[in-house]
Protein backbone atom coordinates (compact mmCIF):
# COMPACT_ATOMS: atom_id res chain seq x y z
CA UNK A 1 3.54 -2.75 54.02
CA UNK A 2 0.83 -1.98 51.42
CA UNK A 3 1.78 -1.87 47.76
CA UNK A 4 2.39 1.56 46.25
CA UNK A 5 0.22 2.37 43.23
CA UNK A 6 1.46 5.80 42.21
CA UNK A 7 1.11 6.41 38.48
CA UNK A 8 3.59 8.32 36.28
CA UNK A 9 3.63 12.10 36.55
CA UNK A 10 1.24 13.64 34.06
CA UNK A 11 -0.92 10.51 33.82
CA UNK A 12 -4.23 11.68 32.39
CA UNK A 13 -7.27 10.73 34.49
CA UNK A 14 -10.70 11.22 32.97
CA UNK A 15 -14.01 9.75 31.89
CA UNK A 16 -15.66 9.00 28.57
CA UNK A 17 -19.03 9.24 26.82
CA UNK A 18 -20.35 9.28 23.25
CA UNK A 19 -22.62 11.72 21.48
CA UNK A 20 -25.70 9.65 20.66
CA UNK A 21 -25.65 7.92 24.05
CA UNK A 22 -25.93 11.08 26.14
CA UNK A 23 -26.68 14.24 24.16
CA UNK A 24 -30.36 14.00 23.27
CA UNK A 25 -31.82 16.76 21.06
CA UNK A 26 -30.62 14.88 17.95
CA UNK A 27 -32.20 17.17 15.34
CA UNK A 28 -32.00 20.60 16.97
CA UNK A 29 -30.05 23.62 15.73
CA UNK A 30 -29.87 22.36 12.15
CA UNK A 31 -28.55 18.83 12.79
CA UNK A 32 -29.33 16.00 10.38
CA UNK A 33 -30.49 12.49 11.38
CA UNK A 34 -27.99 9.69 11.97
CA UNK A 35 -28.29 5.97 11.33
CA UNK A 36 -28.99 5.54 15.06
CA UNK A 37 -31.83 8.04 14.92
CA UNK A 38 -33.34 5.70 12.33
CA UNK A 39 -32.32 2.41 13.94
CA UNK A 40 -33.98 3.11 17.29
CA UNK A 41 -37.22 3.57 15.36
CA UNK A 42 -36.96 0.13 13.76
CA UNK A 43 -39.40 -2.11 15.66
CA UNK A 44 -37.75 -4.78 17.79
CA UNK A 45 -34.17 -3.55 17.46
CA UNK A 46 -33.77 -1.63 20.73
CA UNK A 47 -34.82 -2.74 24.22
CA UNK A 48 -38.23 -1.31 25.18
CA UNK A 49 -38.16 0.92 22.08
CA UNK A 50 -35.79 3.31 23.89
CA UNK A 51 -34.34 6.19 21.84
CA UNK A 52 -31.65 8.85 22.15
CA UNK A 53 -34.16 11.66 21.67
CA UNK A 54 -33.54 12.81 25.27
CA UNK A 55 -30.98 10.33 26.65
CA UNK A 56 -29.09 12.26 29.39
CA UNK A 57 -30.13 15.64 27.94
CA UNK A 58 -26.43 16.53 27.88
CA UNK A 59 -26.94 18.86 24.91
CA UNK A 60 -28.78 21.21 27.27
CA UNK A 61 -27.14 20.20 30.57
CA UNK A 62 -23.48 20.07 29.51
CA UNK A 63 -22.47 22.87 31.91
CA UNK A 64 -23.83 20.91 34.86
CA UNK A 65 -22.07 17.77 33.65
CA UNK A 66 -18.75 19.59 33.29
CA UNK A 67 -19.22 21.03 36.79
CA UNK A 68 -19.71 17.47 38.02
CA UNK A 69 -16.46 16.38 36.35
CA UNK A 70 -14.65 19.25 38.03
CA UNK A 71 -16.11 18.34 41.42
CA UNK A 72 -14.82 14.79 40.94
CA UNK A 73 -11.39 16.21 40.09
CA UNK A 74 -11.24 14.74 36.59
CA UNK A 75 -8.41 16.00 34.39
CA UNK A 76 -9.79 14.92 31.00
CA UNK A 77 -13.03 14.16 29.20
CA UNK A 78 -13.29 11.94 26.14
CA UNK A 79 -16.39 12.65 24.08
CA UNK A 80 -17.48 12.13 20.49
CA UNK A 81 -18.93 14.53 17.96
CA UNK A 82 -22.15 13.80 16.09
CA UNK A 83 -21.04 14.01 12.44
CA UNK A 84 -24.56 14.96 11.32
CA UNK A 85 -24.58 17.97 13.67
CA UNK A 86 -21.60 19.35 11.75
CA UNK A 87 -22.53 18.24 8.21
CA UNK A 88 -26.26 17.41 8.14
CA UNK A 89 -25.92 15.71 4.75
CA UNK A 90 -22.60 14.15 5.78
CA UNK A 91 -20.65 16.31 3.34
CA UNK A 92 -20.90 19.73 1.73
CA UNK A 93 -22.87 22.24 3.77
CA UNK A 94 -21.48 22.97 7.25
CA UNK A 95 -24.03 23.61 10.02
CA UNK A 96 -22.95 26.51 12.28
CA UNK A 97 -25.32 25.39 15.06
CA UNK A 98 -23.50 22.10 15.46
CA UNK A 99 -20.07 23.70 15.59
CA UNK A 100 -21.35 26.21 18.12
CA UNK A 101 -22.47 23.47 20.52
CA UNK A 102 -19.06 21.80 20.55
CA UNK A 103 -17.43 25.24 20.83
CA UNK A 104 -19.41 25.81 24.01
CA UNK A 105 -18.58 22.35 25.36
CA UNK A 106 -14.84 22.58 24.64
CA UNK A 107 -14.59 26.10 26.07
CA UNK A 108 -16.44 25.05 29.23
CA UNK A 109 -14.11 22.07 29.68
CA UNK A 110 -11.02 24.25 29.31
CA UNK A 111 -12.41 26.88 31.69
CA UNK A 112 -12.73 24.10 34.27
CA UNK A 113 -9.22 22.75 33.75
CA UNK A 114 -10.39 19.62 31.93
CA UNK A 115 -8.61 18.49 28.76
CA UNK A 116 -10.92 17.54 25.87
CA UNK A 117 -10.21 14.28 24.00
CA UNK A 118 -12.28 14.40 20.84
CA UNK A 119 -13.42 11.28 18.94
CA UNK A 120 -14.64 12.07 15.44
CA UNK A 121 -16.74 8.95 14.91
CA UNK A 122 -18.57 6.86 17.51
CA UNK A 123 -21.02 4.90 15.33
CA UNK A 124 -23.56 7.63 14.42
CA UNK A 125 -23.09 7.94 10.65
CA UNK A 126 -25.21 10.67 8.99
CA UNK A 127 -28.28 8.97 7.54
CA UNK A 128 -27.76 10.86 4.27
CA UNK A 129 -24.46 9.02 3.79
CA UNK A 130 -26.02 5.69 4.62
CA UNK A 131 -28.42 6.40 1.77
CA UNK A 132 -25.31 6.56 -0.46
CA UNK A 133 -24.02 3.20 0.78
CA UNK A 134 -22.44 4.26 4.06
CA UNK A 135 -19.29 2.33 4.91
CA UNK A 136 -19.75 0.21 1.77
CA UNK A 137 -19.10 3.21 -0.50
CA UNK A 138 -15.38 3.78 -1.23
CA UNK A 139 -16.02 7.55 -1.39
CA UNK A 140 -16.63 7.55 2.37
CA UNK A 141 -12.89 7.93 3.03
CA UNK A 142 -13.07 11.35 1.33
CA UNK A 143 -16.33 12.27 3.08
CA UNK A 144 -14.80 11.45 6.46
CA UNK A 145 -11.63 13.41 5.74
CA UNK A 146 -13.75 16.40 4.70
CA UNK A 147 -15.67 16.26 8.00
CA UNK A 148 -12.45 15.76 9.96
CA UNK A 149 -10.85 18.80 8.31
CA UNK A 150 -13.80 20.99 9.29
CA UNK A 151 -13.26 19.90 12.89
CA UNK A 152 -9.49 20.34 12.84
CA UNK A 153 -9.75 23.87 11.49
CA UNK A 154 -12.24 24.83 14.18
CA UNK A 155 -10.84 23.05 17.24
CA UNK A 156 -7.18 22.05 16.88
CA UNK A 157 -5.17 23.77 19.58
CA UNK A 158 -8.04 23.83 22.02
CA UNK A 159 -8.26 20.08 21.36
CA UNK A 160 -4.83 18.45 21.43
CA UNK A 161 -5.81 14.76 21.44
CA UNK A 162 -7.94 13.49 18.58
CA UNK A 163 -9.25 10.04 17.69
CA UNK A 164 -10.53 9.10 14.25
CA UNK A 165 -12.79 6.09 14.87
CA UNK A 166 -14.15 4.39 17.95
CA UNK A 167 -14.18 0.58 17.80
CA UNK A 168 -14.38 -0.05 14.05
CA UNK A 169 -14.75 -3.77 14.86
CA UNK A 170 -18.12 -3.08 16.49
CA UNK A 171 -19.23 -0.92 13.56
CA UNK A 172 -18.59 -3.82 11.19
CA UNK A 173 -19.46 -6.82 13.36
CA UNK A 174 -22.65 -5.33 14.78
CA UNK A 175 -23.70 -3.18 11.84
CA UNK A 176 -22.77 -5.22 8.77
CA UNK A 177 -22.20 -8.87 9.80
CA UNK A 178 -24.71 -9.67 12.56
CA UNK A 179 -27.22 -6.84 12.16
CA UNK A 180 -27.63 -6.11 15.88
CA UNK A 181 -26.50 -2.47 15.57
CA UNK A 182 -27.11 0.31 13.04
CA UNK A 183 -27.43 0.12 10.08
CA UNK A 184 -28.62 -3.43 10.80
CA UNK A 185 -27.13 -5.40 7.88
CA UNK A 186 -26.29 -9.12 8.08
CA UNK A 187 -24.01 -9.93 5.18
CA UNK A 188 -20.71 -11.83 5.14
CA UNK A 189 -19.70 -10.13 1.89
CA UNK A 190 -20.33 -6.61 3.22
CA UNK A 191 -18.36 -6.96 6.47
CA UNK A 192 -14.82 -6.97 4.98
CA UNK A 193 -15.75 -4.07 2.68
CA UNK A 194 -17.03 -1.97 5.60
CA UNK A 195 -13.88 -2.77 7.58
CA UNK A 196 -11.61 -1.74 4.74
CA UNK A 197 -13.40 1.56 4.12
CA UNK A 198 -13.38 2.34 7.84
CA UNK A 199 -9.62 1.91 7.83
CA UNK A 200 -9.22 3.93 4.62
CA UNK A 201 -11.31 6.68 6.24
CA UNK A 202 -9.09 6.55 9.32
CA UNK A 203 -5.98 6.90 7.14
CA UNK A 204 -7.48 9.77 5.17
CA UNK A 205 -8.40 11.59 8.38
CA UNK A 206 -4.88 11.14 9.79
CA UNK A 207 -3.45 12.44 6.50
CA UNK A 208 -5.77 15.45 6.74
CA UNK A 209 -4.65 16.05 10.32
CA UNK A 210 -1.00 16.18 9.31
CA UNK A 211 -1.95 18.96 6.88
CA UNK A 212 -4.13 20.91 9.36
CA UNK A 213 -3.26 19.93 12.93
CA UNK A 214 -0.30 20.26 15.22
CA UNK A 215 -0.90 17.87 18.10
CA UNK A 216 -1.82 14.16 18.45
CA UNK A 217 -4.18 11.81 16.63
CA UNK A 218 -4.86 8.12 17.13
CA UNK A 219 -7.28 5.25 16.58
CA UNK A 220 -9.52 3.71 19.29
CA UNK A 221 -9.94 -0.08 19.20
CA UNK A 222 -11.69 -2.53 21.48
CA UNK A 223 -9.39 -5.45 22.27
CA UNK A 224 -10.44 -8.69 23.94
CA UNK A 225 -7.71 -11.19 24.75
CA UNK A 226 -8.45 -14.76 23.64
CA UNK A 227 -7.37 -17.74 25.73
CA UNK A 228 -7.64 -21.34 24.53
CA UNK A 229 -10.13 -23.56 26.36
CA UNK A 230 -7.70 -26.47 26.01
CA UNK A 231 -4.30 -27.33 24.55
CA UNK A 232 -5.86 -29.06 21.56
CA UNK A 233 -4.74 -27.96 18.10
CA UNK A 234 -8.36 -27.18 17.20
CA UNK A 235 -8.85 -24.85 20.17
CA UNK A 236 -5.53 -23.11 19.55
CA UNK A 237 -6.50 -22.55 15.91
CA UNK A 238 -9.88 -21.19 17.05
CA UNK A 239 -8.07 -18.72 19.30
CA UNK A 240 -5.92 -17.54 16.39
CA UNK A 241 -9.01 -16.93 14.26
CA UNK A 242 -10.83 -15.11 17.05
CA UNK A 243 -7.78 -12.99 17.84
CA UNK A 244 -7.22 -12.12 14.17
CA UNK A 245 -10.85 -11.15 13.71
CA UNK A 246 -11.26 -9.00 16.80
CA UNK A 247 -7.81 -7.76 17.76
CA UNK A 248 -5.39 -7.83 14.83
CA UNK A 249 -7.85 -6.94 12.04
CA UNK A 250 -7.75 -3.22 12.84
CA UNK A 251 -4.18 -2.79 14.13
CA UNK A 252 -2.10 -4.91 11.75
CA UNK A 253 -3.10 -2.80 8.70
CA UNK A 254 -2.27 0.42 10.57
CA UNK A 255 1.10 -0.77 11.87
CA UNK A 256 2.15 -3.38 9.28
CA UNK A 257 0.16 -2.49 6.15
CA UNK A 258 -1.58 -5.87 5.87
CA UNK A 259 -4.47 -7.89 7.21
CA UNK A 260 -3.97 -11.06 9.29
CA UNK A 261 -3.85 -14.20 7.11
CA UNK A 262 -6.64 -15.83 9.12
CA UNK A 263 -9.25 -13.40 7.77
CA UNK A 264 -9.20 -15.03 4.35
CA UNK A 265 -9.86 -18.38 6.06
CA UNK A 266 -12.73 -16.86 8.06
CA UNK A 267 -14.48 -15.09 5.19
CA UNK A 268 -13.59 -17.44 2.35
CA UNK A 269 -15.04 -16.29 -0.98
CA UNK A 270 -16.28 -13.10 0.71
CA UNK A 271 -12.71 -11.91 1.37
CA UNK A 272 -11.61 -9.34 -1.25
CA UNK A 273 -8.09 -8.59 -2.46
CA UNK A 274 -7.24 -4.92 -1.97
CA UNK A 275 -4.78 -2.75 -3.92
CA UNK A 276 -1.43 -1.97 -2.31
CA UNK A 277 -2.06 1.79 -2.43
CA UNK A 278 -4.97 1.35 -0.03
CA UNK A 279 -2.54 0.11 2.62
CA UNK A 280 -0.26 3.07 1.99
CA UNK A 281 -3.23 5.25 2.95
CA UNK A 282 -4.20 3.11 5.96
CA UNK A 283 -0.66 2.90 7.28
CA UNK A 284 -0.37 6.52 8.37
CA UNK A 285 1.77 6.99 11.48
CA UNK A 286 -0.44 7.57 14.53
CA UNK A 287 0.53 9.19 17.80
CA UNK A 288 -1.20 6.77 20.15
CA UNK A 289 -3.52 3.78 20.39
CA UNK A 290 -6.79 4.19 22.27
CA UNK A 291 -7.60 0.86 23.92
CA UNK A 292 -11.09 -0.02 25.16
CA UNK A 293 -11.10 -3.01 27.54
CA UNK A 294 -14.05 -4.81 29.10
CA UNK A 295 -13.47 -8.56 29.24
CA UNK A 296 -11.69 -11.62 27.84
CA UNK A 297 -12.87 -14.73 25.99
CA UNK A 298 -11.92 -18.33 26.71
CA UNK A 299 -12.38 -19.87 23.29
CA UNK A 300 -12.97 -23.36 21.88
CA UNK A 301 -13.40 -24.74 18.37
CA UNK A 302 -17.05 -24.96 17.30
CA UNK A 303 -17.99 -25.92 13.72
CA UNK A 304 -21.44 -24.35 14.14
CA UNK A 305 -20.22 -20.91 15.30
CA UNK A 306 -20.50 -18.61 12.29
CA UNK A 307 -18.24 -17.27 10.84
CA UNK A 308 -15.25 -17.98 13.10
CA UNK A 309 -15.86 -21.62 14.04
CA UNK A 310 -14.89 -20.41 17.51
CA UNK A 311 -17.12 -20.02 20.57
CA UNK A 312 -16.65 -18.66 24.09
CA UNK A 313 -16.66 -21.00 27.08
CA UNK A 314 -18.43 -19.78 30.22
CA UNK A 315 -16.16 -19.53 33.26
CA UNK A 316 -16.85 -19.83 36.99
CA UNK A 317 -16.44 -16.10 37.60
CA UNK A 318 -18.22 -12.83 38.25
CA UNK A 319 -20.10 -11.57 35.20
CA UNK A 320 -21.45 -8.10 34.53
CA UNK A 321 -25.04 -7.35 33.54
CA UNK A 322 -23.94 -7.48 29.89
CA UNK A 323 -22.66 -11.03 30.34
CA UNK A 324 -18.97 -10.14 30.34
CA UNK A 325 -16.56 -11.93 32.64
CA UNK A 326 -14.71 -9.68 35.10
CA UNK A 327 -11.06 -10.46 34.32
CA UNK A 328 -8.58 -7.67 35.16
CA UNK A 329 -5.54 -9.80 34.27
CA UNK A 330 -6.67 -9.62 30.64
CA UNK A 331 -6.03 -5.88 30.70
CA UNK A 332 -2.43 -6.38 31.81
CA UNK A 333 -1.94 -9.19 29.30
CA UNK A 334 -3.27 -7.12 26.40
CA UNK A 335 -1.16 -4.09 27.26
CA UNK A 336 1.91 -6.34 27.26
CA UNK A 337 0.77 -7.78 23.89
CA UNK A 338 0.45 -4.25 22.46
CA UNK A 339 3.94 -3.48 23.76
CA UNK A 340 5.47 -6.57 22.19
CA UNK A 341 3.58 -6.77 18.88
CA UNK A 342 3.43 -3.10 17.91
CA UNK A 343 6.61 -1.66 19.40
CA UNK A 344 5.20 -0.21 22.64
CA UNK A 345 3.13 2.65 21.22
CA UNK A 346 1.75 5.26 23.63
CA UNK A 347 -1.60 3.93 24.90
CA UNK A 348 -4.59 5.61 26.48
CA UNK A 349 -7.22 3.39 28.07
CA UNK A 350 -10.07 5.20 26.35
CA UNK A 351 -12.85 3.04 27.84
CA UNK A 352 -13.07 0.62 30.75
CA UNK A 353 -16.08 0.00 32.91
CA UNK A 354 -18.89 -2.30 33.94
CA UNK A 355 -22.67 -2.57 33.98
CA UNK A 356 -24.13 -3.83 37.24
CA UNK A 357 -27.63 -3.46 38.58
CA UNK A 358 -28.39 -0.01 40.01
CA UNK A 359 -31.89 1.08 40.99
CA UNK A 360 -33.74 3.49 38.66
CA UNK A 361 -33.95 6.10 41.43
CA UNK A 362 -31.12 6.99 43.79
CA UNK A 363 -31.95 7.26 47.49
CA UNK A 364 -29.68 9.94 48.94
CA UNK A 365 -26.50 11.69 47.84
CA UNK A 366 -24.46 8.60 46.98
CA UNK A 367 -25.52 5.28 45.50
CA UNK A 368 -23.65 2.18 46.68
CA UNK A 369 -22.26 0.08 43.80
CA UNK A 370 -19.80 -2.38 45.41
CA UNK A 371 -19.26 -4.57 42.33
CA UNK A 372 -18.33 -1.55 40.18
CA UNK A 373 -16.04 -0.25 42.95
CA UNK A 374 -14.26 -3.62 42.98
CA UNK A 375 -14.08 -3.68 39.16
CA UNK A 376 -12.59 -0.19 39.01
CA UNK A 377 -10.00 -0.82 41.70
CA UNK A 378 -8.82 -4.15 40.23
CA UNK A 379 -8.59 -2.87 36.65
CA UNK A 380 -6.61 0.20 37.66
CA UNK A 381 -4.23 -2.06 39.58
CA UNK A 382 -3.93 -4.17 36.42
CA UNK A 383 -2.93 -1.07 34.44
CA UNK A 384 -0.39 -0.14 37.08
CA UNK A 385 1.10 -3.63 36.80
CA UNK A 386 1.48 -3.18 33.03
CA UNK A 387 3.16 0.20 33.51
CA UNK A 388 5.62 -1.46 35.90
CA UNK A 389 6.34 -3.94 33.06
CA UNK A 390 7.32 -1.11 30.73
CA UNK A 391 4.04 -0.51 28.92
CA UNK A 392 3.67 3.12 27.82
CA UNK A 393 0.20 3.82 29.26
CA UNK A 394 -0.51 7.54 29.53
CA UNK A 395 -4.11 7.88 30.65
CA UNK A 396 -7.37 6.26 31.73
CA UNK A 397 -10.91 7.25 30.77
CA UNK A 398 -13.56 5.56 32.94
CA UNK A 399 -16.57 4.32 30.97
CA UNK A 400 -18.84 5.95 31.54
CA UNK A 401 -19.26 9.29 33.23
CA UNK A 402 -23.05 8.88 33.11
CA UNK A 403 -25.57 6.08 32.87
CA UNK A 404 -26.75 6.40 29.28
CA UNK A 405 -28.43 4.82 26.27
CA UNK A 406 -26.56 1.54 25.92
CA UNK A 407 -27.25 1.22 22.18
CA UNK A 408 -29.57 -1.72 21.40
CA UNK A 409 -29.84 -2.46 25.14
CA UNK A 410 -31.55 0.91 25.63
CA UNK A 411 -31.54 2.21 29.21
CA UNK A 412 -31.58 -1.30 30.70
CA UNK A 413 -27.83 -1.43 31.46
CA UNK A 414 -26.02 1.15 33.58
CA UNK A 415 -22.28 1.73 33.08
CA UNK A 416 -22.06 5.16 34.71
CA UNK A 417 -20.00 6.14 37.72
CA UNK A 418 -22.73 8.78 38.02
CA UNK A 419 -26.32 7.58 38.30
CA UNK A 420 -28.93 9.19 36.05
CA UNK A 421 -32.64 9.16 36.83
CA UNK A 422 -33.97 9.20 33.28
CA UNK A 423 -37.34 10.57 34.41
CA UNK A 424 -35.97 13.63 36.23
CA UNK A 425 -32.40 13.78 34.81
CA UNK A 426 -31.05 13.99 38.36
CA UNK A 427 -27.36 13.06 38.57
CA UNK A 428 -26.11 11.17 41.66
CA UNK A 429 -22.45 10.18 41.99
CA UNK A 430 -22.07 6.50 42.87
CA UNK A 431 -19.57 5.19 45.37
CA UNK A 432 -17.39 4.21 42.39
CA UNK A 433 -17.24 7.91 41.43
CA UNK A 434 -16.17 8.83 44.97
CA UNK A 435 -13.44 6.18 44.89
CA UNK A 436 -12.32 7.29 41.43
CA UNK A 437 -12.15 10.88 42.64
CA UNK A 438 -9.79 9.84 45.43
CA UNK A 439 -7.67 7.81 43.01
CA UNK A 440 -7.43 10.77 40.62
CA UNK A 441 -6.60 13.19 43.41
CA UNK A 442 -3.82 10.94 44.71
CA UNK A 443 -2.51 9.92 41.24
CA UNK A 444 -3.31 6.30 42.07
CA UNK A 445 -2.10 6.07 45.67
CA UNK A 446 -5.68 5.59 46.92
CA UNK A 447 -5.67 2.18 45.19
CA UNK A 448 -3.78 0.90 48.22
CA UNK A 449 -6.87 1.51 50.41
C-alpha cells in the first residue's frame, strides 16, 4: 500500500517571488532607485551585466501572472514590495504610484482566490537610505517602521500575513561581509552592526504592526543545517560556529533576547556590546517563522576559512546549478530543530526550490525538468514527515513561480516552476509546475504517485 501524504486541512499552498527579481520597470510611476539598481551597474558584479530593468516584466504583466497562478490552482502568493516604490527617498514623501501598483496586484490576487503574503523587505534598500549609511545607521529602525506603517495602513485586512525581512543573514553576509551582493561592502566590523540594525528594524516594524494591524506578522530566515564532517572536537566546534552564524544569529535574539556566544569568538574585536533595551525591541512576539530551505552543509574545521574557521565538505550527491547539495532530510531535521529549540512556533516554508539547467527557449506547452520534479516531490515528503512528528508547519511557497534575475548570477540560473523566455517574456509551465498543481489540488495526496 502506498504511503498517504495528505496535509492538514487549511494548509496553504503557494509560490514565491521578490520585487527586484521579477518586476522590471524599477523607476516608473515615481519610484526611486534601490541599491540593486545601482549594484547591477557596477562592472563585474553581476553575471553578463544583467539587470532588473525588465526582468520578468511583472510590473506590466502581473494580471497574466496571477491568471497563471489561478490556472495552477495556487492558494497563496508570497511577494515583496519595493520600498523605494513606496518612499522614493526611503522616508518622508509617499509615492501614490507605488501604492497603486500593489493595490492592483493585491486586488487581482484576491479576485482570483489567492491569498497575498507580503514581505516588506527583500534586499532592495532605497539608494537614498544607503547614502545615509543604510543598515549601518541606527536610525534605519525608525525609517523601516515608518515605511511599514504606510503599508499596514493601506493593506492590512486585504493582506493578513506579513513578513518584515527576508533572509537578513544574506543581507549582512553578502552585502556587508563578503561584498558579493548589494551594497557590496567587505568589512568584518560592519557585518555585526548591519545584523543588529536589521533586527532592530524588524522589532520596530512588529511593534508598529501591533499598533496598526490586526492579523499576523513574522520574520523570514534562511536556515541551513550543519553536520560535522567527523567526530573530532575541532569539527564539532566548527559546526557550532557555523550554526551560530547562519541559523541562531537571527532567531535567538527574537526568541531569547540574546545573540549566540559563538559570535563573539567569530568576530573577535569586531563584535560590539549592545544595550539591553535593544533586545527588548528585537524580542517582539511574532506570529510565525518563515523558513527558507535549500540545502545543508557538512562542515569541517579549517583555519584558513574566514571568518568562521569552518568549511563545507563536498559530498557524493546530486548538486543543483548553484552548487547546493540536494538533501531533503535536512528540511525535516531543521523543522524538528525549530520545534525543539524555539517551542514549536507556527512555520511557513516561505521558499524552497532548485536551479537546474533549462533551455532558454521552451519547445511546446510544457518543459520537462525531471531533476526539479524529483526535488519538489522529495522536499514536500520531507515536510510531511516533520508534520507527522508534531512540527507546526502551515504552508509551503515554492521558489520560484517564475525564472527570474538570480541576483549576482543574473539570468544564468533558473529556479522557476514556470519557464520564462527573457527575449519574448513567454511563460511556459514546466513539468514541476504540473506536478505541483496536482499536489495542491489533492492537498498532498498526489505525492504518492
